[in-house]
N, C-alpha and C. Protein backbone atom coordinates (compact mmCIF):
# COMPACT_ATOMS: atom_id res chain seq x y z
N UNK A 1 0.81 -1.15 -0.09
CA UNK A 1 -0.04 0.02 -0.03
C UNK A 1 0.85 1.27 0.08
N UNK A 2 0.67 2.20 -0.95
CA UNK A 2 1.45 3.36 -1.06
C UNK A 2 0.47 4.55 -0.69
N UNK A 3 0.93 5.32 0.23
CA UNK A 3 0.24 6.47 0.64
C UNK A 3 1.19 7.74 0.81
N UNK A 4 0.63 8.86 0.70
CA UNK A 4 1.41 10.05 0.99
C UNK A 4 1.27 10.50 2.36
N UNK A 5 2.36 10.95 2.95
CA UNK A 5 2.46 11.39 4.30
C UNK A 5 2.70 12.99 4.15
N UNK A 6 1.77 13.75 4.01
CA UNK A 6 1.92 15.09 3.66
C UNK A 6 2.13 15.11 2.20
N UNK A 7 2.95 16.03 1.75
CA UNK A 7 3.19 16.17 0.27
C UNK A 7 4.36 15.44 -0.27
N UNK A 8 5.22 15.00 0.71
CA UNK A 8 6.53 14.52 0.17
C UNK A 8 6.89 13.07 0.69
N UNK A 9 6.51 12.64 1.68
CA UNK A 9 6.89 11.32 2.11
C UNK A 9 6.09 10.19 1.41
N UNK A 10 6.85 9.11 1.17
CA UNK A 10 6.21 7.89 0.59
C UNK A 10 6.14 6.91 1.74
N UNK A 11 4.88 6.45 2.16
CA UNK A 11 4.66 5.55 3.24
C UNK A 11 4.14 4.26 2.69
N UNK A 12 4.81 3.15 3.05
CA UNK A 12 4.30 1.78 2.52
C UNK A 12 4.34 0.85 3.76
N UNK A 13 3.50 -0.16 3.55
CA UNK A 13 3.46 -1.27 4.63
C UNK A 13 3.66 -2.59 4.09
N UNK A 14 4.40 -3.44 4.73
CA UNK A 14 4.92 -4.70 4.21
C UNK A 14 4.65 -5.89 5.16
N UNK A 15 4.58 -7.00 4.67
CA UNK A 15 4.56 -8.17 5.48
C UNK A 15 6.12 -8.47 5.72
N UNK A 16 6.29 -9.71 6.49
CA UNK A 16 7.69 -10.07 6.73
C UNK A 16 8.19 -10.90 5.63
N UNK A 17 7.37 -11.06 4.63
CA UNK A 17 7.91 -12.07 3.51
C UNK A 17 9.11 -11.41 2.84
N UNK A 18 10.06 -12.23 2.63
CA UNK A 18 11.36 -11.71 1.94
C UNK A 18 11.16 -11.04 0.61
N UNK A 19 10.19 -11.41 -0.17
CA UNK A 19 9.89 -10.72 -1.57
C UNK A 19 9.45 -9.22 -1.28
N UNK A 20 9.11 -8.86 -0.18
CA UNK A 20 8.74 -7.42 0.12
C UNK A 20 9.98 -6.49 0.03
N UNK A 21 11.04 -7.04 0.30
CA UNK A 21 12.34 -6.26 0.16
C UNK A 21 12.58 -5.70 -1.26
N UNK A 22 12.34 -6.61 -2.13
CA UNK A 22 12.61 -6.13 -3.60
C UNK A 22 11.48 -5.18 -3.96
N UNK A 23 10.33 -5.49 -3.55
CA UNK A 23 9.18 -4.42 -3.92
C UNK A 23 9.46 -3.13 -3.27
N UNK A 24 9.95 -3.14 -2.04
CA UNK A 24 10.20 -1.85 -1.43
C UNK A 24 11.40 -1.09 -2.14
N UNK A 25 12.44 -1.77 -2.60
CA UNK A 25 13.46 -1.23 -3.38
C UNK A 25 12.87 -0.54 -4.73
N UNK A 26 11.94 -1.23 -5.35
CA UNK A 26 11.43 -0.65 -6.51
C UNK A 26 10.60 0.65 -6.22
N UNK A 27 9.87 0.70 -5.13
CA UNK A 27 9.11 1.88 -4.78
C UNK A 27 10.11 3.04 -4.42
N UNK A 28 11.26 2.62 -3.75
CA UNK A 28 12.24 3.67 -3.46
C UNK A 28 12.73 4.25 -4.66
N UNK A 29 13.16 3.41 -5.62
CA UNK A 29 13.66 3.87 -6.92
C UNK A 29 12.76 4.90 -7.61
N UNK A 30 11.47 4.50 -7.68
CA UNK A 30 10.34 5.49 -8.20
C UNK A 30 10.34 6.81 -7.50
N UNK A 31 10.50 6.72 -6.16
CA UNK A 31 10.39 8.00 -5.45
C UNK A 31 11.68 8.83 -5.69
N UNK A 32 12.89 8.12 -5.77
CA UNK A 32 14.02 8.89 -5.95
C UNK A 32 14.06 9.55 -7.36
N UNK A 33 13.51 8.91 -8.33
CA UNK A 33 13.44 9.44 -9.73
C UNK A 33 12.47 10.59 -9.70
N UNK A 34 11.26 10.56 -9.03
CA UNK A 34 10.38 11.63 -8.94
C UNK A 34 10.97 12.86 -8.29
N UNK A 35 11.91 12.69 -7.25
CA UNK A 35 12.39 13.74 -6.49
C UNK A 35 13.69 14.20 -7.10
N UNK A 36 14.19 13.67 -8.14
CA UNK A 36 15.41 14.12 -8.73
C UNK A 36 16.68 13.79 -7.83
N UNK A 37 16.48 12.61 -7.17
CA UNK A 37 17.51 12.02 -6.27
C UNK A 37 18.17 10.78 -6.76
N UNK A 38 18.05 10.54 -8.06
CA UNK A 38 18.54 9.25 -8.64
C UNK A 38 20.12 9.06 -8.27
N UNK A 39 20.88 10.11 -7.99
CA UNK A 39 22.27 9.97 -7.81
C UNK A 39 22.42 9.16 -6.52
N UNK A 40 21.47 9.02 -5.62
CA UNK A 40 21.51 8.37 -4.39
C UNK A 40 21.09 6.87 -4.41
N UNK A 41 20.62 6.49 -5.71
CA UNK A 41 19.90 5.25 -5.85
C UNK A 41 20.73 4.02 -5.35
N UNK A 42 22.00 3.90 -5.76
CA UNK A 42 22.72 2.65 -5.37
C UNK A 42 22.82 2.57 -3.87
N UNK A 43 23.29 3.57 -3.26
CA UNK A 43 23.43 3.54 -1.77
C UNK A 43 22.11 3.45 -1.05
N UNK A 44 21.13 4.21 -1.41
CA UNK A 44 19.83 4.27 -0.87
C UNK A 44 19.11 2.91 -0.81
N UNK A 45 19.24 2.28 -2.12
CA UNK A 45 18.59 0.89 -2.14
C UNK A 45 19.33 -0.14 -1.27
N UNK A 46 20.53 -0.07 -1.16
CA UNK A 46 21.29 -1.02 -0.35
C UNK A 46 20.91 -0.75 1.23
N UNK A 47 20.93 0.45 1.63
CA UNK A 47 20.56 0.87 2.89
C UNK A 47 19.22 0.43 3.27
N UNK A 48 18.33 0.72 2.48
CA UNK A 48 16.77 0.12 2.62
C UNK A 48 16.78 -1.37 2.77
N UNK A 49 17.47 -2.02 1.79
CA UNK A 49 17.41 -3.41 1.87
C UNK A 49 18.01 -4.02 3.15
N UNK A 50 19.07 -3.49 3.75
CA UNK A 50 19.62 -3.92 4.99
C UNK A 50 18.56 -3.67 6.18
N UNK A 51 18.13 -2.46 6.18
CA UNK A 51 17.10 -2.02 7.34
C UNK A 51 15.84 -2.95 7.31
N UNK A 52 15.31 -3.05 6.15
CA UNK A 52 14.05 -3.92 6.04
C UNK A 52 14.33 -5.27 6.19
N UNK A 53 15.44 -5.78 5.72
CA UNK A 53 15.66 -7.28 5.96
C UNK A 53 15.96 -7.43 7.35
N UNK A 54 16.56 -6.55 8.13
CA UNK A 54 16.67 -6.78 9.58
C UNK A 54 15.34 -6.82 10.35
N UNK A 55 14.47 -5.89 9.84
CA UNK A 55 13.09 -5.83 10.49
C UNK A 55 12.30 -7.08 10.25
N UNK A 56 12.46 -7.60 9.10
CA UNK A 56 11.75 -8.79 8.62
C UNK A 56 12.26 -10.07 9.41
N UNK A 57 13.56 -10.04 9.59
CA UNK A 57 14.24 -11.36 10.16
C UNK A 57 14.18 -11.22 11.74
N UNK A 58 14.35 -10.07 12.29
CA UNK A 58 14.67 -10.03 13.66
C UNK A 58 13.55 -9.50 14.60
N UNK A 59 12.60 -8.66 13.99
CA UNK A 59 11.62 -8.13 14.83
C UNK A 59 10.60 -9.15 15.17
N UNK A 60 10.56 -9.45 16.50
CA UNK A 60 9.73 -10.53 16.99
C UNK A 60 8.35 -9.83 17.38
N UNK A 61 7.45 -9.88 16.43
CA UNK A 61 6.03 -9.27 16.67
C UNK A 61 4.95 -10.27 16.50
N UNK A 62 3.77 -9.95 16.82
CA UNK A 62 2.67 -10.76 16.72
C UNK A 62 2.32 -10.99 15.09
N UNK A 63 1.86 -12.10 14.79
CA UNK A 63 1.37 -12.23 13.35
C UNK A 63 0.40 -11.22 12.84
N UNK A 64 0.53 -10.80 11.72
CA UNK A 64 -0.40 -9.73 11.23
C UNK A 64 0.17 -8.41 11.27
N UNK A 65 1.17 -8.18 12.12
CA UNK A 65 1.76 -6.78 12.27
C UNK A 65 2.58 -6.56 10.89
N UNK A 66 2.54 -5.26 10.47
CA UNK A 66 3.15 -4.89 9.28
C UNK A 66 4.34 -4.08 9.62
N UNK A 67 5.31 -4.07 8.72
CA UNK A 67 6.52 -3.20 8.80
C UNK A 67 6.27 -1.99 7.83
N UNK A 68 6.62 -0.86 8.36
CA UNK A 68 6.34 0.38 7.56
C UNK A 68 7.63 0.95 7.09
N UNK A 69 7.66 1.38 5.85
CA UNK A 69 8.81 2.02 5.42
C UNK A 69 8.34 3.59 5.08
N UNK A 70 9.26 4.36 5.28
CA UNK A 70 8.91 5.93 4.86
C UNK A 70 10.12 6.38 4.13
N UNK A 71 9.94 6.98 2.96
CA UNK A 71 11.04 7.69 2.19
C UNK A 71 10.65 9.09 2.07
N UNK A 72 11.66 9.98 2.60
CA UNK A 72 11.42 11.35 2.74
C UNK A 72 12.55 12.19 2.14
N UNK A 73 12.31 13.04 1.01
CA UNK A 73 13.45 13.95 0.73
C UNK A 73 13.64 14.92 1.80
N UNK A 74 14.90 15.29 2.07
CA UNK A 74 15.20 16.24 2.95
C UNK A 74 16.31 17.22 2.23
N UNK A 75 16.60 18.33 2.87
CA UNK A 75 17.50 19.23 2.14
C UNK A 75 18.80 18.51 1.77
N UNK A 76 19.08 18.53 0.53
CA UNK A 76 20.35 17.89 0.02
C UNK A 76 20.44 16.31 0.15
N UNK A 77 19.26 15.74 0.25
CA UNK A 77 19.35 14.22 0.33
C UNK A 77 18.02 13.55 0.70
N UNK A 78 18.17 12.49 1.46
CA UNK A 78 17.03 11.52 1.65
C UNK A 78 17.09 10.94 3.07
N UNK A 79 15.99 10.71 3.64
CA UNK A 79 15.81 9.99 4.89
C UNK A 79 14.94 8.67 4.64
N UNK A 80 15.51 7.60 5.08
CA UNK A 80 14.89 6.38 5.10
C UNK A 80 14.53 5.88 6.33
N UNK A 81 13.20 5.53 6.60
CA UNK A 81 12.76 5.07 7.91
C UNK A 81 12.15 3.65 7.75
N UNK A 82 12.35 2.77 8.66
CA UNK A 82 11.74 1.37 8.78
C UNK A 82 11.18 1.31 10.16
N UNK A 83 9.85 1.26 10.23
CA UNK A 83 9.13 1.09 11.49
C UNK A 83 8.65 -0.26 11.74
N UNK A 84 8.87 -0.77 13.03
CA UNK A 84 8.26 -2.24 13.31
C UNK A 84 7.81 -2.11 14.76
N UNK A 85 7.05 -3.04 15.17
CA UNK A 85 6.44 -3.18 16.54
C UNK A 85 7.25 -3.79 17.49
N UNK A 86 8.47 -4.17 17.25
CA UNK A 86 9.47 -4.76 18.15
C UNK A 86 10.20 -3.62 18.91
N UNK A 87 10.33 -3.76 20.14
CA UNK A 87 11.24 -2.72 20.84
C UNK A 87 12.72 -3.06 20.84
N UNK A 88 13.03 -4.30 20.31
CA UNK A 88 14.45 -4.64 20.16
C UNK A 88 15.23 -3.80 19.23
N UNK A 89 16.34 -3.15 19.58
CA UNK A 89 17.00 -2.32 18.75
C UNK A 89 18.03 -2.97 18.04
N UNK A 90 18.38 -2.52 16.84
CA UNK A 90 19.49 -3.21 16.09
C UNK A 90 20.89 -3.01 16.78
N UNK A 91 21.67 -3.88 16.73
CA UNK A 91 23.10 -3.78 17.24
C UNK A 91 24.03 -4.06 16.18
N UNK A 92 24.94 -3.13 16.00
CA UNK A 92 26.00 -3.42 14.97
C UNK A 92 27.02 -4.23 15.67
N UNK A 93 27.53 -5.21 14.91
CA UNK A 93 28.40 -6.19 15.48
C UNK A 93 29.50 -6.54 14.50
N UNK A 94 30.55 -7.00 14.97
CA UNK A 94 31.76 -7.44 14.03
C UNK A 94 31.46 -8.92 13.77
N UNK A 95 31.17 -9.36 12.48
CA UNK A 95 30.92 -10.67 12.16
C UNK A 95 32.10 -11.54 12.12
N UNK A 96 32.02 -12.74 12.33
CA UNK A 96 33.20 -13.58 12.12
C UNK A 96 33.54 -13.57 10.68
N UNK A 97 34.95 -13.69 10.25
CA UNK A 97 35.35 -13.70 8.94
C UNK A 97 34.58 -14.65 8.02
N UNK A 98 34.27 -15.84 8.60
CA UNK A 98 33.57 -16.87 7.72
C UNK A 98 32.12 -16.70 7.66
N UNK A 99 31.60 -15.83 8.34
CA UNK A 99 30.04 -15.67 8.58
C UNK A 99 29.41 -15.18 7.25
N UNK A 100 28.19 -15.64 6.93
CA UNK A 100 27.59 -15.28 5.65
C UNK A 100 26.63 -14.08 5.96
N UNK A 101 26.46 -13.72 7.22
CA UNK A 101 25.60 -12.54 7.48
C UNK A 101 26.26 -11.74 8.63
N UNK A 102 25.59 -10.76 9.01
CA UNK A 102 26.02 -9.84 10.21
C UNK A 102 26.76 -8.64 9.77
N UNK A 103 26.85 -8.36 8.49
CA UNK A 103 27.55 -7.08 7.99
C UNK A 103 26.56 -5.95 7.63
N UNK A 104 25.34 -6.22 7.74
CA UNK A 104 24.35 -5.23 7.25
C UNK A 104 24.46 -3.91 7.82
N UNK A 105 24.56 -3.82 9.17
CA UNK A 105 24.62 -2.44 9.76
C UNK A 105 25.93 -1.82 9.65
N UNK A 106 27.00 -2.59 9.35
CA UNK A 106 28.36 -2.06 8.91
C UNK A 106 28.25 -1.37 7.50
N UNK A 107 27.52 -1.93 6.66
CA UNK A 107 27.15 -1.19 5.30
C UNK A 107 26.33 -0.02 5.45
N UNK A 108 25.30 -0.06 6.32
CA UNK A 108 24.49 1.08 6.47
C UNK A 108 25.32 2.21 7.09
N UNK A 109 26.16 1.93 8.03
CA UNK A 109 27.11 2.99 8.64
C UNK A 109 28.06 3.55 7.60
N UNK A 110 28.53 2.68 6.69
CA UNK A 110 29.47 3.12 5.76
C UNK A 110 28.87 4.01 4.64
N UNK A 111 27.55 3.69 4.35
CA UNK A 111 26.91 4.48 3.19
C UNK A 111 26.09 5.60 3.66
N UNK A 112 25.65 5.60 4.88
CA UNK A 112 24.73 6.67 5.31
C UNK A 112 25.57 7.73 5.92
N UNK A 113 25.04 8.95 5.99
CA UNK A 113 25.62 10.03 6.80
C UNK A 113 25.55 9.78 8.17
N UNK A 114 24.27 9.36 8.49
CA UNK A 114 23.93 9.07 9.94
C UNK A 114 22.90 7.98 9.88
N UNK A 115 22.73 7.20 10.85
CA UNK A 115 21.73 6.24 11.20
C UNK A 115 21.52 6.06 12.62
N UNK A 116 20.35 5.43 12.99
CA UNK A 116 20.05 5.24 14.44
C UNK A 116 18.64 4.62 14.62
N UNK A 117 18.31 4.43 15.76
CA UNK A 117 16.87 3.91 16.15
C UNK A 117 16.35 4.74 17.23
N UNK A 118 15.10 4.93 17.07
CA UNK A 118 14.29 5.86 18.04
C UNK A 118 12.96 5.15 18.43
N UNK A 119 12.49 5.48 19.63
CA UNK A 119 11.18 5.11 19.97
C UNK A 119 10.12 5.71 19.03
N UNK A 120 8.99 5.21 18.85
CA UNK A 120 7.89 5.76 18.07
C UNK A 120 6.68 5.81 18.94
N UNK A 121 5.64 6.56 18.27
CA UNK A 121 4.28 6.48 19.00
C UNK A 121 3.75 5.04 18.82
N UNK A 122 3.32 4.48 19.88
CA UNK A 122 2.81 3.16 19.70
C UNK A 122 3.91 2.18 20.07
N UNK A 123 3.61 0.82 19.87
CA UNK A 123 4.68 -0.10 20.10
C UNK A 123 5.84 -0.03 19.01
N UNK A 124 6.94 -0.42 19.54
CA UNK A 124 8.11 -0.62 18.59
C UNK A 124 9.02 0.61 18.49
N UNK A 125 9.64 0.49 17.30
CA UNK A 125 10.82 1.51 17.10
C UNK A 125 10.84 1.93 15.62
N UNK A 126 11.58 2.92 15.28
CA UNK A 126 11.95 3.29 13.97
C UNK A 126 13.42 3.33 13.82
N UNK A 127 13.98 2.59 12.80
CA UNK A 127 15.35 2.67 12.44
C UNK A 127 15.43 3.47 11.27
N UNK A 128 16.39 4.54 11.20
CA UNK A 128 16.36 5.41 10.12
C UNK A 128 17.84 5.54 9.70
N UNK A 129 18.02 6.24 8.45
CA UNK A 129 19.29 6.51 7.93
C UNK A 129 19.04 7.82 7.03
N UNK A 130 20.11 8.66 7.02
CA UNK A 130 20.03 9.74 6.14
C UNK A 130 21.27 9.68 5.12
N UNK A 131 21.05 10.01 3.92
CA UNK A 131 21.97 10.05 2.87
C UNK A 131 21.97 11.49 2.14
N UNK A 132 23.16 12.01 1.85
CA UNK A 132 23.34 13.33 1.22
C UNK A 132 23.67 12.98 -0.22
N UNK A 133 23.24 13.96 -1.07
CA UNK A 133 23.67 13.93 -2.47
C UNK A 133 25.17 14.16 -2.47
N UNK A 134 25.92 13.54 -3.44
CA UNK A 134 27.36 13.60 -3.50
C UNK A 134 27.83 15.08 -3.50
N UNK A 135 27.20 15.98 -4.23
CA UNK A 135 27.59 17.51 -4.27
C UNK A 135 27.33 18.09 -2.95
N UNK A 136 26.49 17.68 -2.15
CA UNK A 136 26.17 18.21 -0.90
C UNK A 136 27.09 17.88 0.36
N UNK A 137 27.91 16.94 0.13
CA UNK A 137 28.86 16.45 1.18
C UNK A 137 30.00 17.49 1.37
N UNK A 138 30.15 18.12 2.63
CA UNK A 138 31.22 19.07 2.67
C UNK A 138 32.62 18.66 2.47
């Protein structure tokens, strides 16, 4: 479901099914093109993939709860938010060299200007990241 939050944000709700990650990436690409922010596409899509995959895999919530994404243009860039009903915060960790996973938040930290997790109205949290256009970075 796509809806507008004010004039600018794109708000979508997803199940925990893995296919939703690729659908969310498609919607983000559309929004970036509409806003003239396609220069951020590669990094933004990867950041979204990691945050949404984390929510789908690790958020322990009751069946039927949805994960919400919000894409919002901000001055000189983009803010990506992933909302879920779990209070458990993401933790960046150093994975074992042989591990096949555990590097997602390291990628987010490397690609985003800033990222974090905050409480939200109602149950759960919001995990967010901001990215700046290449020309906007000091």
